[in-house]
Each structure stands twice: as structure tokens, then as C-alpha cells.
PDB file of N, CA and C in Angstrom:
ATOM      1  N   MET A   1     -19.215 -12.565   9.458  1.00  0.00           N
ATOM      2  CA  MET A   1     -18.981 -11.184   9.609  1.00  0.00           C
ATOM      3  C   MET A   1     -18.193 -10.626   8.185  1.00  0.00           C
ATOM      4  N   PRO A   2     -18.938  -9.539   7.662  1.00  0.00           N
ATOM      5  CA  PRO A   2     -18.345  -9.027   6.392  1.00  0.00           C
ATOM      6  C   PRO A   2     -16.696  -8.409   6.484  1.00  0.00           C
ATOM      7  N   ASN A   3     -15.981  -8.533   5.546  1.00  0.00           N
ATOM      8  CA  ASN A   3     -14.729  -7.884   5.552  1.00  0.00           C
ATOM      9  C   ASN A   3     -14.901  -6.184   5.450  1.00  0.00           C
ATOM     10  N   HIS A   4     -14.172  -5.664   6.189  1.00  0.00           N
ATOM     11  CA  HIS A   4     -13.972  -4.056   5.975  1.00  0.00           C
ATOM     12  C   HIS A   4     -12.682  -3.698   5.449  1.00  0.00           C
ATOM     13  N   SER A   5     -12.950  -3.131   4.183  1.00  0.00           N
ATOM     14  CA  SER A   5     -11.974  -2.540   3.395  1.00  0.00           C
ATOM     15  C   SER A   5     -11.410  -1.388   3.964  1.00  0.00           C
ATOM     16  N   GLU A   6     -10.014  -1.107   4.044  1.00  0.00           N
ATOM     17  CA  GLU A   6      -9.386   0.163   4.480  1.00  0.00           C
ATOM     18  C   GLU A   6      -8.593   0.569   3.457  1.00  0.00           C
ATOM     19  N   GLN A   7      -8.579   2.020   3.272  1.00  0.00           N
ATOM     20  CA  GLN A   7      -7.865   2.935   2.257  1.00  0.00           C
ATOM     21  C   GLN A   7      -6.510   2.984   3.116  1.00  0.00           C
ATOM     22  N   ILE A   8      -5.402   2.620   2.216  1.00  0.00           N
ATOM     23  CA  ILE A   8      -4.069   2.650   2.843  1.00  0.00           C
ATOM     24  C   ILE A   8      -3.197   3.442   1.921  1.00  0.00           C
ATOM     25  N   VAL A   9      -1.992   3.781   2.561  1.00  0.00           N
ATOM     26  CA  VAL A   9      -0.902   4.284   1.774  1.00  0.00           C
ATOM     27  C   VAL A   9       0.320   3.273   2.092  1.00  0.00           C
ATOM     28  N   VAL A  10       0.972   2.910   1.161  1.00  0.00           N
ATOM     29  CA  VAL A  10       2.173   2.160   1.229  1.00  0.00           C
ATOM     30  C   VAL A  10       3.349   3.034   0.863  1.00  0.00           C
ATOM     31  N   THR A  11       4.406   2.970   1.736  1.00  0.00           N
ATOM     32  CA  THR A  11       5.791   3.607   1.546  1.00  0.00           C
ATOM     33  C   THR A  11       6.734   2.439   0.719  1.00  0.00           C
ATOM     34  N   VAL A  12       7.237   2.720  -0.279  1.00  0.00           N
ATOM     35  CA  VAL A  12       8.127   1.705  -0.963  1.00  0.00           C
ATOM     36  C   VAL A  12       9.506   2.082  -0.273  1.00  0.00           C
ATOM     37  N   ASP A  13      10.514   1.190   0.092  1.00  0.00           N
ATOM     38  CA  ASP A  13      11.814   1.615   0.407  1.00  0.00           C
ATOM     39  C   ASP A  13      12.720   1.874  -0.705  1.00  0.00           C
ATOM     40  N   ASP A  14      13.602   2.933  -0.230  1.00  0.00           N
ATOM     41  CA  ASP A  14      14.370   3.495  -1.310  1.00  0.00           C
ATOM     42  C   ASP A  14      15.179   2.510  -2.320  1.00  0.00           C
ATOM     43  N   SER A  15      15.497   1.332  -1.910  1.00  0.00           N
ATOM     44  CA  SER A  15      15.886   0.393  -2.850  1.00  0.00           C
ATOM     45  C   SER A  15      15.205  -0.328  -3.703  1.00  0.00           C
ATOM     46  N   HIS A  16      13.805  -0.092  -3.550  1.00  0.00           N
ATOM     47  CA  HIS A  16      12.896  -0.766  -4.501  1.00  0.00           C
ATOM     48  C   HIS A  16      12.051   0.313  -5.346  1.00  0.00           C
ATOM     49  N   VAL A  17      12.286   1.667  -5.166  1.00  0.00           N
ATOM     50  CA  VAL A  17      11.383   2.726  -5.880  1.00  0.00           C
ATOM     51  C   VAL A  17      11.751   2.399  -7.395  1.00  0.00           C
ATOM     52  N   SER A  18      12.757   1.965  -7.963  1.00  0.00           N
ATOM     53  CA  SER A  18      12.998   1.895  -9.175  1.00  0.00           C
ATOM     54  C   SER A  18      12.177   0.781  -9.812  1.00  0.00           C
ATOM     55  N   ASN A  19      11.733  -0.186  -8.894  1.00  0.00           N
ATOM     56  CA  ASN A  19      10.967  -1.261  -9.205  1.00  0.00           C
ATOM     57  C   ASN A  19       9.534  -1.212  -8.693  1.00  0.00           C
ATOM     58  N   ILE A  20       9.005   0.133  -8.447  1.00  0.00           N
ATOM     59  CA  ILE A  20       7.681   0.182  -7.731  1.00  0.00           C
ATOM     60  C   ILE A  20       6.520  -0.498  -8.353  1.00  0.00           C
ATOM     61  N   GLU A  21       6.687  -0.736  -9.741  1.00  0.00           N
ATOM     62  CA  GLU A  21       5.493  -1.422 -10.435  1.00  0.00           C
ATOM     63  C   GLU A  21       5.396  -2.803  -9.949  1.00  0.00           C
ATOM     64  N   SER A  22       6.611  -3.308  -9.782  1.00  0.00           N
ATOM     65  CA  SER A  22       6.848  -5.084  -9.276  1.00  0.00           C
ATOM     66  C   SER A  22       6.387  -5.009  -7.902  1.00  0.00           C
ATOM     67  N   VAL A  23       6.547  -3.879  -7.093  1.00  0.00           N
ATOM     68  CA  VAL A  23       6.037  -3.888  -5.698  1.00  0.00           C
ATOM     69  C   VAL A  23       4.435  -3.727  -5.716  1.00  0.00           C
ATOM     70  N   ALA A  24       3.821  -3.116  -6.593  1.00  0.00           N
ATOM     71  CA  ALA A  24       2.674  -2.948  -6.769  1.00  0.00           C
ATOM     72  C   ALA A  24       1.918  -4.172  -7.161  1.00  0.00           C
ATOM     73  N   VAL A  25       2.413  -4.941  -8.041  1.00  0.00           N
ATOM     74  CA  VAL A  25       2.063  -6.207  -8.474  1.00  0.00           C
ATOM     75  C   VAL A  25       2.010  -7.242  -7.173  1.00  0.00           C
ATOM     76  N   ALA A  26       3.008  -7.172  -6.493  1.00  0.00           N
ATOM     77  CA  ALA A  26       3.143  -8.181  -5.297  1.00  0.00           C
ATOM     78  C   ALA A  26       2.165  -7.681  -4.242  1.00  0.00           C
ATOM     79  N   LEU A  27       1.906  -6.474  -4.166  1.00  0.00           N
ATOM     80  CA  LEU A  27       0.937  -6.119  -3.130  1.00  0.00           C
ATOM     81  C   LEU A  27      -0.587  -6.553  -3.753  1.00  0.00           C
ATOM     82  N   GLY A  28      -0.840  -6.477  -4.864  1.00  0.00           N
ATOM     83  CA  GLY A  28      -1.938  -6.921  -5.558  1.00  0.00           C
ATOM     84  C   GLY A  28      -2.127  -8.452  -5.410  1.00  0.00           C
ATOM     85  N   THR A  29      -1.058  -9.367  -5.384  1.00  0.00           N
ATOM     86  CA  THR A  29      -1.182 -10.713  -5.120  1.00  0.00           C
ATOM     87  C   THR A  29      -1.587 -11.045  -3.833  1.00  0.00           C
ATOM     88  N   VAL A  30      -1.226 -10.258  -2.824  1.00  0.00           N
ATOM     89  CA  VAL A  30      -1.755 -10.478  -1.392  1.00  0.00           C
ATOM     90  C   VAL A  30      -3.002  -9.839  -1.033  1.00  0.00           C
ATOM     91  N   GLY A  31      -3.574  -9.336  -1.957  1.00  0.00           N
ATOM     92  CA  GLY A  31      -5.097  -8.739  -1.572  1.00  0.00           C
ATOM     93  C   GLY A  31      -5.124  -7.172  -1.672  1.00  0.00           C
ATOM     94  N   MET A  32      -4.051  -6.443  -2.048  1.00  0.00           N
ATOM     95  CA  MET A  32      -4.353  -4.964  -2.122  1.00  0.00           C
ATOM     96  C   MET A  32      -4.869  -4.667  -3.455  1.00  0.00           C
ATOM     97  N   GLN A  33      -5.979  -3.702  -3.434  1.00  0.00           N
ATOM     98  CA  GLN A  33      -6.503  -3.077  -4.660  1.00  0.00           C
ATOM     99  C   GLN A  33      -5.823  -1.851  -4.905  1.00  0.00           C
ATOM    100  N   VAL A  34      -4.745  -1.950  -5.751  1.00  0.00           N
ATOM    101  CA  VAL A  34      -3.980  -0.584  -6.002  1.00  0.00           C
ATOM    102  C   VAL A  34      -4.776   0.331  -6.813  1.00  0.00           C
ATOM    103  N   ALA A  35      -4.691   1.554  -6.364  1.00  0.00           N
ATOM    104  CA  ALA A  35      -5.382   2.731  -6.904  1.00  0.00           C
ATOM    105  C   ALA A  35      -4.486   3.652  -7.529  1.00  0.00           C
ATOM    106  N   ASN A  36      -3.284   3.885  -7.026  1.00  0.00           N
ATOM    107  CA  ASN A  36      -2.445   5.009  -7.493  1.00  0.00           C
ATOM    108  C   ASN A  36      -1.008   4.388  -7.325  1.00  0.00           C
ATOM    109  N   ILE A  37      -0.126   4.765  -8.317  1.00  0.00           N
ATOM    110  CA  ILE A  37       1.341   4.462  -8.060  1.00  0.00           C
ATOM    111  C   ILE A  37       1.944   5.756  -8.296  1.00  0.00           C
ATOM    112  N   LEU A  38       2.650   6.322  -7.161  1.00  0.00           N
ATOM    113  CA  LEU A  38       3.250   7.667  -7.296  1.00  0.00           C
ATOM    114  C   LEU A  38       4.805   7.361  -7.333  1.00  0.00           C
ATOM    115  N   ALA A  39       5.342   6.926  -8.411  1.00  0.00           N
ATOM    116  CA  ALA A  39       6.711   6.563  -8.532  1.00  0.00           C
ATOM    117  C   ALA A  39       7.717   7.458  -8.134  1.00  0.00           C
ATOM    118  N   THR A  40       7.521   8.800  -8.463  1.00  0.00           N
ATOM    119  CA  THR A  40       8.391   9.863  -7.944  1.00  0.00           C
ATOM    120  C   THR A  40       8.625   9.918  -6.467  1.00  0.00           C
ATOM    121  N   SER A  41       7.409   9.644  -5.797  1.00  0.00           N
ATOM    122  CA  SER A  41       7.422   9.717  -4.264  1.00  0.00           C
ATOM    123  C   SER A  41       7.623   8.430  -3.616  1.00  0.00           C
ATOM    124  N   GLY A  42       7.562   7.233  -4.424  1.00  0.00           N
ATOM    125  CA  GLY A  42       7.796   6.035  -3.744  1.00  0.00           C
ATOM    126  C   GLY A  42       6.532   5.728  -3.020  1.00  0.00           C
ATOM    127  N   ILE A  43       5.272   5.998  -3.192  1.00  0.00           N
ATOM    128  CA  ILE A  43       4.120   5.810  -2.551  1.00  0.00           C
ATOM    129  C   ILE A  43       3.130   5.078  -3.671  1.00  0.00           C
ATOM    130  N   ILE A  44       2.257   4.017  -2.821  1.00  0.00           N
ATOM    131  CA  ILE A  44       1.240   3.265  -3.535  1.00  0.00           C
ATOM    132  C   ILE A  44       0.056   3.333  -2.839  1.00  0.00           C
ATOM    133  N   THR A  45      -0.935   3.755  -3.430  1.00  0.00           N
ATOM    134  CA  THR A  45      -2.295   3.882  -2.361  1.00  0.00           C
ATOM    135  C   THR A  45      -3.272   2.864  -2.948  1.00  0.00           C
ATOM    136  N   GLY A  46      -4.284   2.667  -2.169  1.00  0.00           N
ATOM    137  CA  GLY A  46      -5.351   1.695  -2.439  1.00  0.00           C
ATOM    138  C   GLY A  46      -5.951   1.106  -1.396  1.00  0.00           C
ATOM    139  N   ALA A  47      -6.622   0.025  -1.395  1.00  0.00           N
ATOM    140  CA  ALA A  47      -7.513  -0.477  -0.409  1.00  0.00           C
ATOM    141  C   ALA A  47      -7.125  -1.949  -0.064  1.00  0.00           C
ATOM    142  N   VAL A  48      -7.481  -2.392   1.048  1.00  0.00           N
ATOM    143  CA  VAL A  48      -7.242  -3.624   1.342  1.00  0.00           C
ATOM    144  C   VAL A  48      -8.335  -4.258   2.539  1.00  0.00           C
ATOM    145  N   ASP A  49      -8.762  -5.420   2.530  1.00  0.00           N
ATOM    146  CA  ASP A  49      -9.482  -6.016   3.595  1.00  0.00           C
ATOM    147  C   ASP A  49      -8.582  -5.877   4.780  1.00  0.00           C
ATOM    148  N   GLN A  50      -8.956  -5.471   6.125  1.00  0.00           N
ATOM    149  CA  GLN A  50      -8.359  -5.368   7.228  1.00  0.00           C
ATOM    150  C   GLN A  50      -7.652  -6.579   7.576  1.00  0.00           C
ATOM    151  N   GLU A  51      -8.159  -7.737   7.329  1.00  0.00           N
ATOM    152  CA  GLU A  51      -7.665  -9.076   7.659  1.00  0.00           C
ATOM    153  C   GLU A  51      -6.400  -9.417   6.726  1.00  0.00           C
ATOM    154  N   LYS A  52      -6.012  -8.703   5.864  1.00  0.00           N
ATOM    155  CA  LYS A  52      -5.119  -8.783   4.913  1.00  0.00           C
ATOM    156  C   LYS A  52      -3.791  -7.873   5.028  1.00  0.00           C
ATOM    157  N   LEU A  53      -4.190  -6.926   6.076  1.00  0.00           N
ATOM    158  CA  LEU A  53      -3.422  -5.691   6.187  1.00  0.00           C
ATOM    159  C   LEU A  53      -1.847  -6.073   6.646  1.00  0.00           C
ATOM    160  N   VAL A  54      -2.030  -6.836   7.637  1.00  0.00           N
ATOM    161  CA  VAL A  54      -0.697  -7.401   8.144  1.00  0.00           C
ATOM    162  C   VAL A  54       0.242  -8.112   7.164  1.00  0.00           C
ATOM    163  N   SER A  55      -0.353  -8.787   6.361  1.00  0.00           N
ATOM    164  CA  SER A  55       0.507  -9.497   5.086  1.00  0.00           C
ATOM    165  C   SER A  55       1.115  -8.443   4.195  1.00  0.00           C
ATOM    166  N   LEU A  56       0.606  -7.265   3.949  1.00  0.00           N
ATOM    167  CA  LEU A  56       1.359  -6.281   3.034  1.00  0.00           C
ATOM    168  C   LEU A  56       2.739  -5.836   3.701  1.00  0.00           C
ATOM    169  N   ARG A  57       2.910  -6.000   4.870  1.00  0.00           N
ATOM    170  CA  ARG A  57       4.233  -5.521   5.544  1.00  0.00           C
ATOM    171  C   ARG A  57       5.384  -6.473   5.198  1.00  0.00           C
ATOM    172  N   SER A  58       4.881  -7.797   4.792  1.00  0.00           N
ATOM    173  CA  SER A  58       6.031  -8.795   4.417  1.00  0.00           C
ATOM    174  C   SER A  58       6.341  -8.717   3.133  1.00  0.00           C
ATOM    175  N   VAL A  59       5.648  -7.938   2.150  1.00  0.00           N
ATOM    176  CA  VAL A  59       6.107  -7.950   0.673  1.00  0.00           C
ATOM    177  C   VAL A  59       7.451  -7.071   0.642  1.00  0.00           C
ATOM    178  N   ALA A  60       8.282  -7.683  -0.231  1.00  0.00           N
ATOM    179  CA  ALA A  60       9.627  -7.136  -0.592  1.00  0.00           C
ATOM    180  C   ALA A  60       9.648  -5.680  -1.132  1.00  0.00           C
ATOM    181  N   GLY A  61      10.162  -4.687  -0.559  1.00  0.00           N
ATOM    182  CA  GLY A  61      10.175  -3.299  -0.819  1.00  0.00           C
ATOM    183  C   GLY A  61       9.177  -2.546  -0.128  1.00  0.00           C
ATOM    184  N   VAL A  62       8.371  -3.050   0.733  1.00  0.00           N
ATOM    185  CA  VAL A  62       7.523  -2.230   1.557  1.00  0.00           C
ATOM    186  C   VAL A  62       8.210  -1.611   2.848  1.00  0.00           C
ATOM    187  N   ALA A  63       8.192  -0.529   2.925  1.00  0.00           N
ATOM    188  CA  ALA A  63       8.980   0.138   4.130  1.00  0.00           C
ATOM    189  C   ALA A  63       7.872   0.583   5.318  1.00  0.00           C
ATOM    190  N   ASN A  64       6.698   0.836   4.829  1.00  0.00           N
ATOM    191  CA  ASN A  64       5.593   1.104   5.984  1.00  0.00           C
ATOM    192  C   ASN A  64       4.382   1.030   5.203  1.00  0.00           C
ATOM    193  N   VAL A  65       3.203   0.787   5.899  1.00  0.00           N
ATOM    194  CA  VAL A  65       1.832   0.585   5.630  1.00  0.00           C
ATOM    195  C   VAL A  65       1.099   1.426   6.712  1.00  0.00           C
ATOM    196  N   GLU A  66       0.225   2.432   6.098  1.00  0.00           N
ATOM    197  CA  GLU A  66      -0.581   3.176   7.233  1.00  0.00           C
ATOM    198  C   GLU A  66      -2.054   3.419   6.531  1.00  0.00           C
ATOM    199  N   SER A  67      -2.670   3.789   7.478  1.00  0.00           N
ATOM    200  CA  SER A  67      -4.186   4.104   7.045  1.00  0.00           C
ATOM    201  C   SER A  67      -4.055   5.345   6.333  1.00  0.00           C
ATOM    202  N   ASP A  68      -4.836   5.708   5.152  1.00  0.00           N
ATOM    203  CA  ASP A  68      -5.028   6.890   4.748  1.00  0.00           C
ATOM    204  C   ASP A  68      -5.907   7.636   5.113  1.00  0.00           C
ATOM    205  N   GLY A  69      -5.910   8.426   6.235  1.00  0.00           N
ATOM    206  CA  GLY A  69      -6.858   9.142   6.994  1.00  0.00           C
ATOM    207  C   GLY A  69      -7.084  10.507   6.310  1.00  0.00           C
ATOM    208  N   GLU A  70      -8.108  11.109   6.578  1.00  0.00           N
ATOM    209  CA  GLU A  70      -8.554  12.469   6.090  1.00  0.00           C
ATOM    210  C   GLU A  70      -7.605  13.585   6.641  1.00  0.00           C
ATOM    211  N   MET A  71      -7.280  14.372   5.708  1.00  0.00           N
ATOM    212  CA  MET A  71      -6.430  15.636   6.145  1.00  0.00           C
ATOM    213  C   MET A  71      -7.466  16.696   6.121  1.00  0.00           C
ATOM    214  N   ARG A  72      -7.173  17.544   7.207  1.00  0.00           N
ATOM    215  CA  ARG A  72      -8.177  18.733   7.499  1.00  0.00           C
ATOM    216  C   ARG A  72      -7.162  19.902   7.717  1.00  0.00           C
ATOM    217  N   ALA A  73      -7.664  20.995   6.966  1.00  0.00           N
ATOM    218  CA  ALA A  73      -6.976  22.434   7.274  1.00  0.00           C
ATOM    219  C   ALA A  73      -7.144  22.957   8.410  1.00  0.00           C
ATOM    220  N   ILE A  74      -6.498  23.485   9.146  1.00  0.00           N
ATOM    221  CA  ILE A  74      -6.728  24.271  10.456  1.00  0.00           C
ATOM    222  C   ILE A  74      -6.852  25.626  10.314  1.00  0.00           C
TER     223      ILE A  74
END
């Protein structure tokens, strides 16, 4: 069965925002394909295979991992 990649948004906890680049590198080592690092916001975006999604939550500095869903204006 092929792996399905999911677009995600990672929120970095406040104590690690100053080292957001290191958090991004650590996320990459567990399988995330980092697309953007938004240092001011403490956000890292990218993609990961669904099977590796859970392992991202254990990376030091990660406060939250969520799907990057579409936004629609109402």
C-alpha cells in the first residue's frame, strides 16, 4: 500500500521559537519535508507520510501538529 503524504502545520512551543531552525531540522530527521519556517509566528509547514505523523509530536519543541486544511471565505 503506498504512503500518503499529508500537508501539515507544526506549532513550535514558546521556549523553542528562538531555535526554530533546529526544530525544523529535527522534524526533517523523523520524516517531515519542511516547506516553510515562519520564525516570527513559531510555525513550520510541510508534508509528512501519514505513518510518520505521530512521531513528529515527540520532537522537542513541538507544541502541536495539525493538518493544513483549505481555508474558505464565507
